[in-house]
């Protein structure tokens, strides 16, 4: 779990996978390890850092379903299933699982933050900020706080609110300079017309994620809903203006 909280980097997520697999080799009914394995694979599957996102999401779903079966009253298990359902473009079901996690643990800040992401991918970014702010209220110094800043900024970017997007995504980048938020910052800056700054942010992002390609974000779009895809094109257009590779 410490690796999952260390920063948004594929190396951390892959290392977490190996540790959770080791725990499950010792006890295949370990609900906490199943939930952690699912979350690590869902992060690898949804963050455009691999050419095999489907395989990661399939493993994540299998682990989360087993976790929920073994621990129906385990908040982390439902949270894990909610995360992977987002990646599978089953957002309404994901909301149900995340709400269940919060019924079991109302102070589970990551579940609130992930609801913000889910609403973005459902094409309802105007609903994201409230969830992210609730997560920050519950755990302002949380290792994932940068992710919640990003949900506010990412929602603003989808809505074409570029000044607000830059402000909040910068805060996310300050919290974790290795995350994919740099690519979204590049997009927002490009839409502002700050092309040199956008290219610098893109270069910083590629230093941590050298295999990043825009095509992964097209092929692995987290939702196929037409309204979302219109908003997603705004994000992609800014990335192209910032010079990110297709």
Protein backbone atom coordinates (compact mmCIF):
# COMPACT_ATOMS: atom_id res chain seq x y z
CA UNK A 1 0.00 0.00 0.00
CA UNK A 2 2.90 2.34 0.67
CA UNK A 3 4.00 1.94 -2.96
CA UNK A 4 0.52 2.87 -4.19
CA UNK A 5 0.74 6.05 -2.12
CA UNK A 6 4.33 6.88 -3.07
CA UNK A 7 3.53 8.61 -6.36
CA UNK A 8 1.82 8.15 -9.69
CA UNK A 9 4.51 6.17 -11.47
CA UNK A 10 4.17 2.87 -13.32
CA UNK A 11 7.27 1.54 -11.57
CA UNK A 12 5.57 1.97 -8.19
CA UNK A 13 2.39 0.25 -9.39
CA UNK A 14 4.29 -2.69 -10.89
CA UNK A 15 6.33 -3.10 -7.71
CA UNK A 16 3.09 -3.08 -5.72
CA UNK A 17 1.69 -5.82 -7.97
CA UNK A 18 4.67 -8.04 -7.15
CA UNK A 19 4.29 -7.51 -3.39
CA UNK A 20 0.55 -8.16 -3.40
CA UNK A 21 1.10 -11.30 -5.49
CA UNK A 22 3.62 -12.48 -2.90
CA UNK A 23 1.09 -11.89 -0.11
CA UNK A 24 -1.53 -13.86 -2.04
CA UNK A 25 0.89 -16.72 -2.59
CA UNK A 26 0.98 -17.01 1.21
CA UNK A 27 -2.80 -16.59 1.62
CA UNK A 28 -4.99 -16.57 -1.48
CA UNK A 29 -7.98 -15.41 0.59
CA UNK A 30 -6.26 -12.23 1.82
CA UNK A 31 -8.94 -9.62 1.03
CA UNK A 32 -6.63 -6.67 1.63
CA UNK A 33 -4.03 -8.07 -0.78
CA UNK A 34 -6.69 -8.84 -3.39
CA UNK A 35 -7.99 -5.27 -3.17
CA UNK A 36 -4.47 -3.89 -3.41
CA UNK A 37 -3.62 -6.10 -6.40
CA UNK A 38 -6.78 -4.93 -8.14
CA UNK A 39 -6.03 -1.25 -7.52
CA UNK A 40 -2.43 -1.59 -8.73
CA UNK A 41 -3.53 -3.29 -11.95
CA UNK A 42 -6.35 -0.80 -12.49
CA UNK A 43 -3.85 2.06 -12.18
CA UNK A 44 -1.65 0.40 -14.79
CA UNK A 45 -4.69 -0.13 -17.00
CA UNK A 46 -6.25 3.32 -16.85
CA UNK A 47 -3.27 5.71 -16.91
CA UNK A 48 -2.08 5.21 -20.51
CA UNK A 49 1.34 3.88 -19.46
CA UNK A 50 1.07 0.53 -21.25
CA UNK A 51 -0.04 -0.99 -24.54
CA UNK A 52 -1.83 -3.78 -22.64
CA UNK A 53 -4.46 -1.90 -20.61
CA UNK A 54 -7.15 -4.53 -21.19
CA UNK A 55 -5.06 -7.29 -19.64
CA UNK A 56 -4.40 -5.20 -16.54
CA UNK A 57 -8.08 -4.36 -16.17
CA UNK A 58 -9.10 -8.00 -16.57
CA UNK A 59 -6.75 -9.03 -13.76
CA UNK A 60 -7.97 -6.10 -11.67
CA UNK A 61 -11.62 -7.08 -12.12
CA UNK A 62 -11.00 -10.72 -11.22
CA UNK A 63 -9.13 -9.76 -8.04
CA UNK A 64 -11.72 -7.17 -7.00
CA UNK A 65 -14.64 -9.54 -7.52
CA UNK A 66 -12.91 -12.17 -5.39
CA UNK A 67 -12.19 -9.55 -2.72
CA UNK A 68 -15.86 -8.50 -2.60
CA UNK A 69 -16.99 -12.14 -2.49
CA UNK A 70 -14.70 -12.90 0.44
CA UNK A 71 -15.21 -9.56 2.18
CA UNK A 72 -18.65 -8.23 1.35
CA UNK A 73 -18.38 -5.72 4.21
CA UNK A 74 -14.84 -4.63 3.38
CA UNK A 75 -14.71 -1.00 2.23
CA UNK A 76 -11.40 -1.42 0.40
CA UNK A 77 -12.79 -4.34 -1.61
CA UNK A 78 -15.73 -2.27 -2.86
CA UNK A 79 -13.43 0.68 -3.50
CA UNK A 80 -11.16 -1.55 -5.60
CA UNK A 81 -14.10 -2.85 -7.61
CA UNK A 82 -15.34 0.70 -8.15
CA UNK A 83 -11.97 1.74 -9.52
CA UNK A 84 -11.76 -1.09 -12.03
CA UNK A 85 -15.35 -0.57 -13.18
CA UNK A 86 -14.39 2.99 -14.11
CA UNK A 87 -11.65 1.60 -16.32
CA UNK A 88 -14.14 -0.80 -17.92
CA UNK A 89 -16.44 2.11 -18.86
CA UNK A 90 -19.10 0.99 -16.39
CA UNK A 91 -19.28 4.26 -14.52
CA UNK A 92 -22.78 3.97 -13.10
CA UNK A 93 -21.90 0.60 -11.57
CA UNK A 94 -18.67 2.12 -10.26
CA UNK A 95 -20.64 4.82 -8.45
CA UNK A 96 -22.65 2.09 -6.72
CA UNK A 97 -19.49 0.34 -5.51
CA UNK A 98 -17.86 3.57 -4.35
CA UNK A 99 -21.03 4.58 -2.54
CA UNK A 100 -21.04 1.15 -0.87
CA UNK A 101 -17.43 1.70 0.23
CA UNK A 102 -18.46 5.02 1.76
CA UNK A 103 -21.44 3.43 3.50
CA UNK A 104 -18.94 1.09 5.17
CA UNK A 105 -16.33 3.80 5.80
CA UNK A 106 -17.71 7.36 5.45
CA UNK A 107 -14.26 8.87 6.04
CA UNK A 108 -12.62 6.97 3.17
CA UNK A 109 -11.19 9.98 1.37
CA UNK A 110 -9.92 8.08 -1.71
CA UNK A 111 -13.45 6.88 -2.46
CA UNK A 112 -14.66 10.48 -2.53
CA UNK A 113 -11.77 11.48 -4.79
CA UNK A 114 -12.39 8.56 -7.13
CA UNK A 115 -16.05 9.54 -7.43
CA UNK A 116 -14.75 12.83 -8.81
CA UNK A 117 -12.79 10.94 -11.46
CA UNK A 118 -15.79 8.77 -12.26
CA UNK A 119 -18.01 11.80 -12.84
CA UNK A 120 -15.39 13.25 -15.22
CA UNK A 121 -15.38 10.06 -17.27
CA UNK A 122 -19.17 9.97 -17.36
CA UNK A 123 -19.05 13.36 -19.06
CA UNK A 124 -20.26 15.13 -15.92
CA UNK A 125 -17.12 17.06 -14.91
CA UNK A 126 -19.16 19.82 -13.32
CA UNK A 127 -19.91 17.31 -10.51
CA UNK A 128 -16.28 16.35 -9.90
CA UNK A 129 -15.05 19.26 -7.81
CA UNK A 130 -17.39 18.63 -4.89
CA UNK A 131 -16.15 15.05 -4.51
CA UNK A 132 -12.49 16.09 -4.73
CA UNK A 133 -12.98 18.85 -2.17
CA UNK A 134 -14.66 16.38 0.20
CA UNK A 135 -11.62 14.10 -0.09
CA UNK A 136 -9.31 17.03 0.65
CA UNK A 137 -11.46 18.08 3.60
CA UNK A 138 -11.25 14.59 5.09
CA UNK A 139 -7.52 14.13 4.50
CA UNK A 140 -5.77 17.38 3.48
CA UNK A 141 -2.26 15.92 3.90
CA UNK A 142 -3.06 12.64 2.22
CA UNK A 143 -0.40 11.17 -0.12
CA UNK A 144 -3.13 11.16 -2.79
CA UNK A 145 -4.01 14.83 -2.36
CA UNK A 146 -2.27 15.68 -5.63
CA UNK A 147 -4.64 13.31 -7.42
CA UNK A 148 -7.61 15.14 -5.97
CA UNK A 149 -6.21 18.51 -7.05
CA UNK A 150 -5.91 16.93 -10.47
CA UNK A 151 -9.59 15.90 -10.54
CA UNK A 152 -10.57 19.55 -10.08
CA UNK A 153 -8.12 20.70 -12.74
CA UNK A 154 -8.95 17.88 -15.14
CA UNK A 155 -12.65 18.63 -14.84
CA UNK A 156 -12.00 22.30 -15.57
CA UNK A 157 -9.94 21.34 -18.63
CA UNK A 158 -12.78 19.20 -19.99
CA UNK A 159 -15.14 22.15 -19.46
CA UNK A 160 -12.83 24.55 -21.30
CA UNK A 161 -12.03 26.51 -18.11
CA UNK A 162 -8.33 26.73 -18.92
CA UNK A 163 -7.20 29.26 -16.30
CA UNK A 164 -8.77 27.21 -13.52
CA UNK A 165 -7.35 24.04 -15.04
CA UNK A 166 -3.81 25.42 -15.00
CA UNK A 167 -4.13 26.56 -11.37
CA UNK A 168 -5.31 23.21 -10.04
CA UNK A 169 -3.19 20.96 -12.25
CA UNK A 170 -0.11 22.95 -11.22
CA UNK A 171 -0.97 22.14 -7.61
CA UNK A 172 -1.20 18.48 -8.57
CA UNK A 173 2.19 18.61 -10.28
CA UNK A 174 3.74 20.31 -7.25
CA UNK A 175 2.52 17.38 -5.15
CA UNK A 176 3.87 14.75 -7.56
CA UNK A 177 6.18 15.80 -10.38
CA UNK A 178 6.32 12.29 -11.84
CA UNK A 179 2.62 11.95 -12.55
CA UNK A 180 0.75 12.09 -15.85
CA UNK A 181 -0.77 15.39 -14.69
CA UNK A 182 2.11 17.07 -16.53
CA UNK A 183 0.56 16.06 -19.86
CA UNK A 184 -2.75 17.63 -18.86
CA UNK A 185 -0.93 20.74 -17.66
CA UNK A 186 0.71 20.93 -21.08
CA UNK A 187 -2.73 20.75 -22.69
CA UNK A 188 -4.21 23.49 -20.51
CA UNK A 189 -1.21 25.78 -21.05
CA UNK A 190 -1.38 25.24 -24.81
CA UNK A 191 -5.04 26.25 -24.80
CA UNK A 192 -4.03 29.42 -22.95
CA UNK A 193 -1.56 30.16 -25.73
CA UNK A 194 1.47 29.62 -23.47
CA UNK A 195 3.11 27.27 -25.96
CA UNK A 196 6.67 27.44 -24.62
CA UNK A 197 5.46 26.59 -21.10
CA UNK A 198 3.26 23.85 -22.53
CA UNK A 199 6.19 22.28 -24.36
CA UNK A 200 8.29 22.44 -21.19
CA UNK A 201 5.56 20.65 -19.21
CA UNK A 202 5.28 18.05 -21.96
CA UNK A 203 9.05 17.47 -21.86
CA UNK A 204 8.96 17.05 -18.08
CA UNK A 205 6.17 14.51 -18.44
CA UNK A 206 8.05 12.55 -21.09
CA UNK A 207 11.10 12.43 -18.84
CA UNK A 208 9.07 10.32 -16.38
CA UNK A 209 6.88 8.55 -18.95
CA UNK A 210 8.99 8.30 -22.14
CA UNK A 211 6.60 5.84 -23.79
CA UNK A 212 3.57 8.14 -23.57
CA UNK A 213 1.58 8.48 -26.80
CA UNK A 214 -1.62 10.39 -27.54
CA UNK A 215 -2.93 7.34 -29.40
CA UNK A 216 -3.06 5.47 -26.09
CA UNK A 217 -5.45 8.10 -24.78
CA UNK A 218 -7.61 7.68 -27.88
CA UNK A 219 -7.57 3.87 -27.90
CA UNK A 220 -7.88 3.71 -24.12
CA UNK A 221 -10.39 6.51 -23.65
CA UNK A 222 -12.03 5.80 -20.28
CA UNK A 223 -15.51 6.23 -21.74
CA UNK A 224 -17.14 5.90 -25.14
CA UNK A 225 -20.00 8.24 -24.27
CA UNK A 226 -20.32 10.89 -27.02
CA UNK A 227 -20.54 13.82 -24.58
CA UNK A 228 -17.38 12.71 -22.80
CA UNK A 229 -15.51 12.14 -26.07
CA UNK A 230 -16.27 15.72 -27.13
CA UNK A 231 -14.70 16.95 -23.89
CA UNK A 232 -11.81 14.49 -24.27
CA UNK A 233 -11.00 15.93 -27.68
CA UNK A 234 -10.38 19.29 -25.98
CA UNK A 235 -7.76 17.60 -23.79
CA UNK A 236 -6.14 15.81 -26.74
CA UNK A 237 -6.12 18.93 -28.91
CA UNK A 238 -4.15 20.82 -26.27
CA UNK A 239 -1.66 17.95 -26.00
CA UNK A 240 -1.11 18.07 -29.75
CA UNK A 241 -0.51 21.82 -29.58
CA UNK A 242 2.06 21.15 -26.84
CA UNK A 243 3.92 18.82 -29.20
CA UNK A 244 3.26 15.52 -27.43
CA UNK A 245 3.83 12.49 -29.67
CA UNK A 246 0.92 10.87 -31.45
